[in-house]
């Protein structure tokens, strides 16, 4: 945390994001959700995609005493993350951006409802996560499950044929 704090004070947006994680999880400090949100917001405002996603997540769920629930504001942050992601040549954050955008598209929150595009984003997210999962010790399996569930739900609604599991395609 000491090094994150130093880097954050020098304007490193990813260090600001990591400071938010430290405060959110109580790593190296006491848990402080309000302080965590402040660091996430600073990181988001300075262009850190994970920070944008985290701020969006806070708005998506709402956080008593910190931010009121607003899925529309969450969608705005997710769209900013998508634009930033699209401007980069390669991004490990891409599948996590896709899941959140697909969640919004599926229900028409902050953007036009588009089940087909949401389905395609969920599929792309699953495939991308399968690629990075073996190399990421801190991989968030709940996001993979969320993408798989969204893909399955929309495949059913759109009456699409069941796709083969990715693991079976590799072997």
N, C-alpha and C. Protein backbone atom coordinates (compact mmCIF):
# COMPACT_ATOMS: atom_id res chain seq x y z
N UNK A 1 0.83 -1.19 0.00
CA UNK A 1 0.00 0.00 0.00
C UNK A 1 0.87 1.26 0.00
N UNK A 2 2.00 1.19 0.68
CA UNK A 2 2.90 2.35 0.74
C UNK A 2 3.32 2.78 -0.67
N UNK A 3 3.65 1.81 -1.51
CA UNK A 3 4.09 2.14 -2.87
C UNK A 3 2.94 2.60 -3.75
N UNK A 4 1.77 2.00 -3.55
CA UNK A 4 0.60 2.46 -4.28
C UNK A 4 0.30 3.92 -3.93
N UNK A 5 0.39 4.24 -2.64
CA UNK A 5 0.11 5.61 -2.18
C UNK A 5 1.09 6.59 -2.83
N UNK A 6 2.36 6.21 -2.86
CA UNK A 6 3.37 7.09 -3.46
C UNK A 6 3.10 7.29 -4.95
N UNK A 7 2.85 6.19 -5.66
CA UNK A 7 2.58 6.28 -7.10
C UNK A 7 1.29 7.06 -7.36
N UNK A 8 0.28 6.85 -6.52
CA UNK A 8 -0.98 7.58 -6.68
C UNK A 8 -0.76 9.07 -6.48
N UNK A 9 0.07 9.44 -5.50
CA UNK A 9 0.34 10.86 -5.26
C UNK A 9 1.09 11.50 -6.42
N UNK A 10 1.76 10.66 -7.24
CA UNK A 10 2.46 11.16 -8.42
C UNK A 10 1.57 11.14 -9.67
N UNK A 11 0.28 10.77 -9.48
CA UNK A 11 -0.67 10.83 -10.57
C UNK A 11 -0.88 9.53 -11.33
N UNK A 12 -0.34 8.42 -10.84
CA UNK A 12 -0.50 7.13 -11.52
C UNK A 12 -1.94 6.64 -11.30
N UNK A 13 -2.72 6.60 -12.37
CA UNK A 13 -4.14 6.26 -12.25
C UNK A 13 -4.36 4.81 -11.83
N UNK A 14 -3.49 3.91 -12.27
CA UNK A 14 -3.65 2.51 -11.87
C UNK A 14 -3.32 2.33 -10.38
N UNK A 15 -2.36 3.08 -9.87
CA UNK A 15 -2.06 3.04 -8.43
C UNK A 15 -3.24 3.58 -7.63
N UNK A 16 -3.93 4.60 -8.17
CA UNK A 16 -5.13 5.11 -7.51
C UNK A 16 -6.19 4.02 -7.44
N UNK A 17 -6.33 3.27 -8.53
CA UNK A 17 -7.28 2.15 -8.54
C UNK A 17 -6.89 1.12 -7.48
N UNK A 18 -5.61 0.78 -7.41
CA UNK A 18 -5.15 -0.21 -6.42
C UNK A 18 -5.35 0.30 -4.99
N UNK A 19 -5.20 1.60 -4.77
CA UNK A 19 -5.48 2.17 -3.45
C UNK A 19 -6.95 1.95 -3.10
N UNK A 20 -7.81 2.15 -4.10
CA UNK A 20 -9.24 1.89 -3.88
C UNK A 20 -9.48 0.46 -3.47
N UNK A 21 -8.80 -0.48 -4.13
CA UNK A 21 -8.94 -1.89 -3.75
C UNK A 21 -8.46 -2.14 -2.33
N UNK A 22 -7.34 -1.52 -1.96
CA UNK A 22 -6.83 -1.69 -0.60
C UNK A 22 -7.85 -1.22 0.43
N UNK A 23 -8.44 -0.06 0.20
CA UNK A 23 -9.45 0.46 1.14
C UNK A 23 -10.73 -0.38 1.10
N UNK A 24 -11.11 -0.83 -0.06
CA UNK A 24 -12.33 -1.63 -0.17
C UNK A 24 -12.19 -2.98 0.55
N UNK A 25 -11.02 -3.59 0.42
CA UNK A 25 -10.80 -4.93 0.99
C UNK A 25 -10.12 -4.92 2.35
N UNK A 26 -9.66 -3.75 2.81
CA UNK A 26 -8.95 -3.69 4.08
C UNK A 26 -7.56 -4.31 3.99
N UNK A 27 -6.90 -4.14 2.87
CA UNK A 27 -5.56 -4.66 2.66
C UNK A 27 -4.54 -3.59 3.03
N UNK A 28 -3.82 -3.81 4.12
CA UNK A 28 -2.82 -2.84 4.56
C UNK A 28 -3.41 -1.63 5.25
N UNK A 29 -4.70 -1.64 5.48
CA UNK A 29 -5.40 -0.52 6.11
C UNK A 29 -6.77 -1.02 6.58
N UNK A 30 -7.48 -0.18 7.30
CA UNK A 30 -8.85 -0.53 7.67
C UNK A 30 -9.75 -0.41 6.45
N UNK A 31 -10.81 -1.22 6.42
CA UNK A 31 -11.78 -1.10 5.34
C UNK A 31 -12.44 0.27 5.43
N UNK A 32 -12.56 0.92 4.28
CA UNK A 32 -13.20 2.23 4.22
C UNK A 32 -13.79 2.39 2.82
N UNK A 33 -15.05 2.04 2.69
CA UNK A 33 -15.71 2.04 1.39
C UNK A 33 -15.76 3.43 0.79
N UNK A 34 -15.96 4.43 1.61
CA UNK A 34 -16.02 5.80 1.10
C UNK A 34 -14.67 6.23 0.54
N UNK A 35 -13.60 5.92 1.25
CA UNK A 35 -12.25 6.24 0.77
C UNK A 35 -11.94 5.44 -0.49
N UNK A 36 -12.38 4.18 -0.52
CA UNK A 36 -12.18 3.34 -1.71
C UNK A 36 -12.83 3.99 -2.91
N UNK A 37 -14.08 4.42 -2.76
CA UNK A 37 -14.79 5.06 -3.87
C UNK A 37 -14.06 6.31 -4.34
N UNK A 38 -13.54 7.10 -3.40
CA UNK A 38 -12.82 8.33 -3.78
C UNK A 38 -11.61 8.00 -4.65
N UNK A 39 -10.87 6.96 -4.29
CA UNK A 39 -9.72 6.56 -5.10
C UNK A 39 -10.15 5.99 -6.45
N UNK A 40 -11.21 5.20 -6.44
CA UNK A 40 -11.71 4.68 -7.72
C UNK A 40 -12.13 5.82 -8.65
N UNK A 41 -12.80 6.81 -8.07
CA UNK A 41 -13.26 7.93 -8.88
C UNK A 41 -12.07 8.72 -9.44
N UNK A 42 -11.04 8.95 -8.61
CA UNK A 42 -9.84 9.65 -9.09
C UNK A 42 -9.20 8.87 -10.23
N UNK A 43 -9.11 7.55 -10.07
CA UNK A 43 -8.48 6.74 -11.12
C UNK A 43 -9.32 6.78 -12.40
N UNK A 44 -10.63 6.72 -12.25
CA UNK A 44 -11.53 6.76 -13.41
C UNK A 44 -11.40 8.09 -14.14
N UNK A 45 -11.37 9.17 -13.39
CA UNK A 45 -11.28 10.50 -13.99
C UNK A 45 -9.96 10.73 -14.71
N UNK A 46 -8.94 9.96 -14.36
CA UNK A 46 -7.65 10.10 -15.02
C UNK A 46 -7.41 9.01 -16.07
N UNK A 47 -8.48 8.27 -16.42
CA UNK A 47 -8.42 7.37 -17.56
C UNK A 47 -8.14 5.91 -17.29
N UNK A 48 -8.23 5.46 -16.07
CA UNK A 48 -7.99 4.05 -15.73
C UNK A 48 -9.27 3.24 -15.97
N UNK A 49 -9.22 2.31 -16.91
CA UNK A 49 -10.40 1.51 -17.25
C UNK A 49 -10.94 0.74 -16.04
N UNK A 50 -10.10 0.02 -15.28
CA UNK A 50 -10.65 -0.67 -14.11
C UNK A 50 -11.31 0.30 -13.12
N UNK A 51 -10.78 1.50 -13.00
CA UNK A 51 -11.40 2.52 -12.15
C UNK A 51 -12.77 2.92 -12.67
N UNK A 52 -12.89 3.10 -13.98
CA UNK A 52 -14.18 3.44 -14.59
C UNK A 52 -15.20 2.34 -14.33
N UNK A 53 -14.76 1.10 -14.47
CA UNK A 53 -15.66 -0.03 -14.24
C UNK A 53 -16.11 -0.07 -12.78
N UNK A 54 -15.17 0.17 -11.87
CA UNK A 54 -15.50 0.12 -10.44
C UNK A 54 -16.48 1.23 -10.06
N UNK A 55 -16.25 2.43 -10.57
CA UNK A 55 -17.17 3.54 -10.29
C UNK A 55 -18.55 3.18 -10.85
N UNK A 56 -18.58 2.64 -12.06
CA UNK A 56 -19.84 2.19 -12.64
C UNK A 56 -20.51 1.15 -11.77
N UNK A 57 -19.73 0.22 -11.25
CA UNK A 57 -20.29 -0.83 -10.38
C UNK A 57 -20.91 -0.25 -9.11
N UNK A 58 -20.25 0.77 -8.55
CA UNK A 58 -20.81 1.41 -7.36
C UNK A 58 -22.18 2.03 -7.69
N UNK A 59 -22.26 2.70 -8.83
CA UNK A 59 -23.54 3.28 -9.22
C UNK A 59 -24.56 2.20 -9.57
N UNK A 60 -24.13 1.13 -10.19
CA UNK A 60 -25.04 0.05 -10.59
C UNK A 60 -25.78 -0.49 -9.37
N UNK A 61 -25.05 -0.74 -8.31
CA UNK A 61 -25.64 -1.34 -7.10
C UNK A 61 -26.11 -0.30 -6.10
N UNK A 62 -25.49 0.87 -6.15
CA UNK A 62 -25.73 1.87 -5.11
C UNK A 62 -24.95 1.49 -3.87
N UNK A 63 -24.54 2.48 -3.11
CA UNK A 63 -23.76 2.23 -1.91
C UNK A 63 -24.22 3.23 -0.86
N UNK A 64 -24.89 2.71 0.17
CA UNK A 64 -25.46 3.57 1.21
C UNK A 64 -24.46 4.61 1.70
N UNK A 65 -24.88 5.87 1.65
CA UNK A 65 -24.06 6.96 2.16
C UNK A 65 -22.95 7.39 1.22
N UNK A 66 -22.77 6.68 0.10
CA UNK A 66 -21.68 7.03 -0.81
C UNK A 66 -22.23 7.47 -2.16
N UNK A 67 -22.99 6.59 -2.81
CA UNK A 67 -23.64 6.94 -4.08
C UNK A 67 -25.02 6.30 -4.13
N UNK A 68 -25.96 7.04 -4.68
CA UNK A 68 -27.30 6.50 -4.87
C UNK A 68 -27.26 5.58 -6.10
N UNK A 69 -28.08 4.56 -6.07
CA UNK A 69 -28.14 3.66 -7.21
C UNK A 69 -28.62 4.42 -8.44
N UNK A 70 -27.87 4.26 -9.53
CA UNK A 70 -28.25 4.84 -10.81
C UNK A 70 -27.62 4.00 -11.91
N UNK A 71 -28.41 3.10 -12.46
CA UNK A 71 -27.89 2.25 -13.52
C UNK A 71 -27.56 3.07 -14.76
N UNK A 72 -28.23 4.19 -14.94
CA UNK A 72 -27.92 5.07 -16.07
C UNK A 72 -26.53 5.67 -15.92
N UNK A 73 -26.19 6.14 -14.70
CA UNK A 73 -24.83 6.67 -14.47
C UNK A 73 -23.80 5.55 -14.60
N UNK A 74 -24.15 4.36 -14.14
CA UNK A 74 -23.25 3.22 -14.30
C UNK A 74 -22.98 2.99 -15.78
N UNK A 75 -24.04 3.01 -16.59
CA UNK A 75 -23.89 2.80 -18.04
C UNK A 75 -23.00 3.86 -18.66
N UNK A 76 -23.09 5.10 -18.18
CA UNK A 76 -22.22 6.17 -18.70
C UNK A 76 -20.75 5.85 -18.42
N UNK A 77 -20.47 5.37 -17.21
CA UNK A 77 -19.08 5.01 -16.89
C UNK A 77 -18.62 3.81 -17.72
N UNK A 78 -19.50 2.84 -17.92
CA UNK A 78 -19.13 1.67 -18.73
C UNK A 78 -18.86 2.08 -20.18
N UNK A 79 -19.66 3.02 -20.70
CA UNK A 79 -19.43 3.50 -22.06
C UNK A 79 -18.10 4.24 -22.18
N UNK A 80 -17.75 5.00 -21.15
CA UNK A 80 -16.44 5.67 -21.14
C UNK A 80 -15.32 4.64 -21.16
N UNK A 81 -15.50 3.57 -20.38
CA UNK A 81 -14.49 2.50 -20.35
C UNK A 81 -14.39 1.83 -21.71
N UNK A 82 -15.53 1.64 -22.38
CA UNK A 82 -15.52 1.03 -23.71
C UNK A 82 -14.77 1.92 -24.71
N UNK A 83 -15.03 3.23 -24.67
CA UNK A 83 -14.34 4.15 -25.57
C UNK A 83 -12.83 4.13 -25.32
N UNK A 84 -12.46 4.16 -24.07
CA UNK A 84 -11.02 4.12 -23.71
C UNK A 84 -10.42 2.80 -24.17
N UNK A 85 -11.14 1.71 -23.95
CA UNK A 85 -10.68 0.39 -24.35
C UNK A 85 -10.49 0.32 -25.87
N UNK A 86 -11.45 0.85 -26.61
CA UNK A 86 -11.39 0.83 -28.07
C UNK A 86 -10.22 1.66 -28.61
N UNK A 87 -9.82 2.68 -27.83
CA UNK A 87 -8.71 3.54 -28.26
C UNK A 87 -7.35 2.87 -28.03
N UNK A 88 -7.33 1.82 -27.21
CA UNK A 88 -6.07 1.13 -26.93
C UNK A 88 -5.88 0.00 -27.93
N UNK A 89 -4.62 -0.31 -28.18
CA UNK A 89 -4.32 -1.38 -29.13
C UNK A 89 -4.67 -2.75 -28.55
N UNK A 90 -4.31 -2.98 -27.31
CA UNK A 90 -4.60 -4.26 -26.67
C UNK A 90 -4.94 -3.99 -25.21
N UNK A 91 -5.97 -4.65 -24.70
CA UNK A 91 -6.41 -4.38 -23.33
C UNK A 91 -6.87 -5.67 -22.66
N UNK A 92 -6.30 -5.95 -21.50
CA UNK A 92 -6.75 -7.10 -20.72
C UNK A 92 -8.10 -6.83 -20.06
N UNK A 93 -8.50 -5.57 -20.04
CA UNK A 93 -9.77 -5.19 -19.42
C UNK A 93 -10.96 -5.41 -20.35
N UNK A 94 -10.69 -5.66 -21.62
CA UNK A 94 -11.74 -5.75 -22.63
C UNK A 94 -12.90 -6.67 -22.26
N UNK A 95 -12.65 -7.92 -21.84
CA UNK A 95 -13.80 -8.77 -21.55
C UNK A 95 -14.67 -8.26 -20.39
N UNK A 96 -14.04 -7.58 -19.45
CA UNK A 96 -14.79 -7.06 -18.30
C UNK A 96 -15.64 -5.85 -18.71
N UNK A 97 -15.14 -5.09 -19.66
CA UNK A 97 -15.92 -3.99 -20.23
C UNK A 97 -17.10 -4.57 -20.99
N UNK A 98 -16.84 -5.59 -21.81
CA UNK A 98 -17.89 -6.21 -22.63
C UNK A 98 -19.05 -6.75 -21.79
N UNK A 99 -18.75 -7.39 -20.68
CA UNK A 99 -19.81 -7.95 -19.84
C UNK A 99 -20.72 -6.84 -19.34
N UNK A 100 -20.14 -5.76 -18.88
CA UNK A 100 -20.95 -4.67 -18.33
C UNK A 100 -21.77 -3.98 -19.43
N UNK A 101 -21.17 -3.78 -20.60
CA UNK A 101 -21.91 -3.17 -21.71
C UNK A 101 -23.04 -4.10 -22.14
N UNK A 102 -22.77 -5.41 -22.20
CA UNK A 102 -23.81 -6.38 -22.57
C UNK A 102 -24.95 -6.36 -21.56
N UNK A 103 -24.63 -6.25 -20.27
CA UNK A 103 -25.67 -6.16 -19.24
C UNK A 103 -26.58 -4.97 -19.51
N UNK A 104 -25.99 -3.84 -19.90
CA UNK A 104 -26.77 -2.64 -20.19
C UNK A 104 -27.59 -2.79 -21.47
N UNK A 105 -26.97 -3.33 -22.51
CA UNK A 105 -27.67 -3.51 -23.79
C UNK A 105 -28.84 -4.48 -23.67
N UNK A 106 -28.64 -5.50 -22.88
CA UNK A 106 -29.67 -6.53 -22.71
C UNK A 106 -30.97 -5.92 -22.21
N UNK A 107 -30.87 -4.94 -21.33
CA UNK A 107 -32.05 -4.33 -20.74
C UNK A 107 -32.31 -2.90 -21.21
N UNK A 108 -31.48 -2.40 -22.13
CA UNK A 108 -31.67 -1.04 -22.63
C UNK A 108 -31.40 0.02 -21.58
N UNK A 109 -30.38 -0.20 -20.76
CA UNK A 109 -30.05 0.75 -19.70
C UNK A 109 -28.93 1.68 -20.19
N UNK A 110 -29.26 2.94 -20.37
CA UNK A 110 -28.28 3.93 -20.79
C UNK A 110 -27.86 3.82 -22.25
N UNK A 111 -28.48 2.91 -22.97
CA UNK A 111 -28.20 2.71 -24.39
C UNK A 111 -29.35 1.94 -24.99
N UNK A 112 -29.35 1.86 -26.30
CA UNK A 112 -30.42 1.15 -26.98
C UNK A 112 -30.38 -0.35 -26.65
N UNK A 113 -31.55 -0.91 -26.44
CA UNK A 113 -31.65 -2.35 -26.18
C UNK A 113 -31.31 -3.10 -27.47
N UNK A 114 -30.39 -4.07 -27.36
CA UNK A 114 -29.98 -4.83 -28.53
C UNK A 114 -29.53 -6.22 -28.06
N UNK A 115 -30.45 -7.18 -28.09
CA UNK A 115 -30.16 -8.51 -27.59
C UNK A 115 -29.08 -9.22 -28.40
N UNK A 116 -29.10 -9.06 -29.71
CA UNK A 116 -28.10 -9.72 -30.56
C UNK A 116 -26.70 -9.21 -30.24
N UNK A 117 -26.54 -7.89 -30.16
CA UNK A 117 -25.23 -7.32 -29.85
C UNK A 117 -24.78 -7.71 -28.44
N UNK A 118 -25.72 -7.72 -27.50
CA UNK A 118 -25.38 -8.13 -26.13
C UNK A 118 -24.90 -9.58 -26.11
N UNK A 119 -25.60 -10.45 -26.85
CA UNK A 119 -25.20 -11.86 -26.94
C UNK A 119 -23.77 -11.98 -27.48
N UNK A 120 -23.47 -11.23 -28.53
CA UNK A 120 -22.14 -11.27 -29.13
C UNK A 120 -21.07 -10.76 -28.17
N UNK A 121 -21.41 -9.73 -27.39
CA UNK A 121 -20.45 -9.22 -26.40
C UNK A 121 -20.20 -10.24 -25.29
N UNK A 122 -21.27 -10.90 -24.82
CA UNK A 122 -21.08 -11.95 -23.81
C UNK A 122 -20.18 -13.06 -24.36
N UNK A 123 -20.44 -13.48 -25.59
CA UNK A 123 -19.62 -14.54 -26.21
C UNK A 123 -18.16 -14.12 -26.29
N UNK A 124 -17.92 -12.90 -26.77
CA UNK A 124 -16.54 -12.40 -26.89
C UNK A 124 -15.88 -12.32 -25.52
N UNK A 125 -16.64 -11.91 -24.51
CA UNK A 125 -16.08 -11.81 -23.16
C UNK A 125 -15.67 -13.18 -22.65
N UNK A 126 -16.51 -14.19 -22.84
CA UNK A 126 -16.19 -15.55 -22.39
C UNK A 126 -14.92 -16.03 -23.07
N UNK A 127 -14.84 -15.86 -24.38
CA UNK A 127 -13.66 -16.33 -25.12
C UNK A 127 -12.40 -15.61 -24.66
N UNK A 128 -12.49 -14.29 -24.47
CA UNK A 128 -11.32 -13.52 -24.02
C UNK A 128 -10.91 -13.91 -22.61
N UNK A 129 -11.89 -14.14 -21.74
CA UNK A 129 -11.56 -14.54 -20.36
C UNK A 129 -10.90 -15.90 -20.33
N UNK A 130 -11.34 -16.80 -21.19
CA UNK A 130 -10.71 -18.12 -21.26
C UNK A 130 -9.24 -18.00 -21.65
N UNK A 131 -8.93 -17.01 -22.49
CA UNK A 131 -7.55 -16.79 -22.90
C UNK A 131 -6.68 -16.25 -21.78
N UNK A 132 -7.21 -15.32 -20.97
CA UNK A 132 -6.38 -14.70 -19.93
C UNK A 132 -6.41 -15.45 -18.60
N UNK A 133 -7.43 -16.26 -18.38
CA UNK A 133 -7.60 -16.94 -17.10
C UNK A 133 -6.35 -17.70 -16.64
N UNK A 134 -5.70 -18.50 -17.48
CA UNK A 134 -4.55 -19.27 -16.99
C UNK A 134 -3.36 -18.40 -16.54
N UNK A 135 -3.32 -17.15 -16.98
CA UNK A 135 -2.17 -16.29 -16.69
C UNK A 135 -2.43 -15.29 -15.58
N UNK A 136 -3.64 -15.25 -15.07
CA UNK A 136 -4.02 -14.24 -14.09
C UNK A 136 -4.35 -14.89 -12.76
N UNK A 137 -3.46 -14.75 -11.79
CA UNK A 137 -3.67 -15.37 -10.47
C UNK A 137 -4.88 -14.80 -9.75
N UNK A 138 -5.25 -13.58 -10.06
CA UNK A 138 -6.35 -12.92 -9.37
C UNK A 138 -7.63 -12.92 -10.22
N UNK A 139 -7.73 -13.86 -11.14
CA UNK A 139 -8.86 -13.89 -12.08
C UNK A 139 -10.19 -13.91 -11.35
N UNK A 140 -11.13 -13.13 -11.84
CA UNK A 140 -12.45 -13.01 -11.23
C UNK A 140 -13.42 -13.98 -11.91
N UNK A 141 -13.57 -15.16 -11.32
CA UNK A 141 -14.42 -16.19 -11.91
C UNK A 141 -15.89 -15.79 -11.91
N UNK A 142 -16.29 -14.91 -11.01
CA UNK A 142 -17.70 -14.49 -10.99
C UNK A 142 -18.05 -13.74 -12.27
N UNK A 143 -17.09 -13.01 -12.84
CA UNK A 143 -17.35 -12.31 -14.09
C UNK A 143 -17.50 -13.30 -15.24
N UNK A 144 -16.71 -14.36 -15.24
CA UNK A 144 -16.83 -15.39 -16.27
C UNK A 144 -18.20 -16.06 -16.17
N UNK A 145 -18.62 -16.38 -14.96
CA UNK A 145 -19.94 -16.99 -14.76
C UNK A 145 -21.06 -16.03 -15.22
N UNK A 146 -20.89 -14.75 -14.93
CA UNK A 146 -21.88 -13.76 -15.33
C UNK A 146 -21.98 -13.69 -16.85
N UNK A 147 -20.84 -13.72 -17.52
CA UNK A 147 -20.82 -13.67 -18.99
C UNK A 147 -21.45 -14.94 -19.57
N UNK A 148 -21.13 -16.09 -19.00
CA UNK A 148 -21.70 -17.35 -19.49
C UNK A 148 -23.21 -17.37 -19.29
N UNK A 149 -23.66 -16.91 -18.13
CA UNK A 149 -25.09 -16.89 -17.84
C UNK A 149 -25.82 -15.94 -18.80
N UNK A 150 -25.23 -14.76 -19.04
CA UNK A 150 -25.84 -13.80 -19.97
C UNK A 150 -25.90 -14.35 -21.39
N UNK A 151 -24.82 -15.00 -21.81
CA UNK A 151 -24.77 -15.58 -23.15
C UNK A 151 -25.83 -16.66 -23.29
N UNK A 152 -25.95 -17.51 -22.29
CA UNK A 152 -26.94 -18.60 -22.32
C UNK A 152 -28.37 -18.06 -22.33
N UNK A 153 -28.63 -17.06 -21.50
CA UNK A 153 -29.97 -16.46 -21.43
C UNK A 153 -30.37 -15.87 -22.78
N UNK A 154 -29.45 -15.13 -23.40
CA UNK A 154 -29.78 -14.49 -24.67
C UNK A 154 -29.81 -15.48 -25.82
N UNK A 155 -28.98 -16.51 -25.76
CA UNK A 155 -29.05 -17.55 -26.79
C UNK A 155 -30.43 -18.17 -26.79
N UNK A 156 -30.97 -18.41 -25.61
CA UNK A 156 -32.31 -18.97 -25.47
C UNK A 156 -33.37 -18.01 -25.99
N UNK A 157 -33.28 -16.73 -25.58
CA UNK A 157 -34.26 -15.72 -26.02
C UNK A 157 -34.22 -15.51 -27.53
N UNK A 158 -33.03 -15.61 -28.10
CA UNK A 158 -32.87 -15.38 -29.54
C UNK A 158 -33.04 -16.66 -30.36
N UNK A 159 -33.28 -17.77 -29.67
CA UNK A 159 -33.47 -19.08 -30.31
C UNK A 159 -32.26 -19.47 -31.17
N UNK A 160 -31.08 -19.27 -30.61
CA UNK A 160 -29.85 -19.62 -31.30
C UNK A 160 -29.43 -21.04 -30.90
N UNK A 161 -28.73 -21.75 -31.78
CA UNK A 161 -28.29 -23.10 -31.42
C UNK A 161 -27.25 -23.04 -30.31
N UNK A 162 -27.23 -24.10 -29.52
CA UNK A 162 -26.28 -24.17 -28.41
C UNK A 162 -24.87 -24.29 -28.98
N UNK A 163 -23.97 -23.45 -28.47
CA UNK A 163 -22.58 -23.52 -28.92
C UNK A 163 -21.84 -24.56 -28.10
N UNK A 164 -20.76 -25.09 -28.68
CA UNK A 164 -19.96 -26.08 -27.96
C UNK A 164 -19.15 -25.37 -26.89
N UNK A 165 -18.97 -26.03 -25.74
CA UNK A 165 -18.15 -25.41 -24.69
C UNK A 165 -16.74 -25.16 -25.21
N UNK A 166 -16.17 -24.03 -24.81
CA UNK A 166 -14.85 -23.64 -25.31
C UNK A 166 -13.80 -24.69 -24.99
N UNK A 167 -13.86 -25.31 -23.83
CA UNK A 167 -12.89 -26.32 -23.44
C UNK A 167 -12.87 -27.50 -24.40
N UNK A 168 -14.03 -27.89 -24.93
CA UNK A 168 -14.10 -29.01 -25.85
C UNK A 168 -13.55 -28.64 -27.22
N UNK A 169 -13.60 -27.37 -27.58
CA UNK A 169 -13.05 -26.95 -28.86
C UNK A 169 -11.52 -27.02 -28.86
N UNK A 170 -10.92 -26.84 -27.69
CA UNK A 170 -9.48 -26.82 -27.59
C UNK A 170 -8.89 -28.22 -27.66
N UNK A 171 -9.55 -29.21 -27.06
CA UNK A 171 -8.98 -30.56 -26.99
C UNK A 171 -9.02 -31.31 -28.30
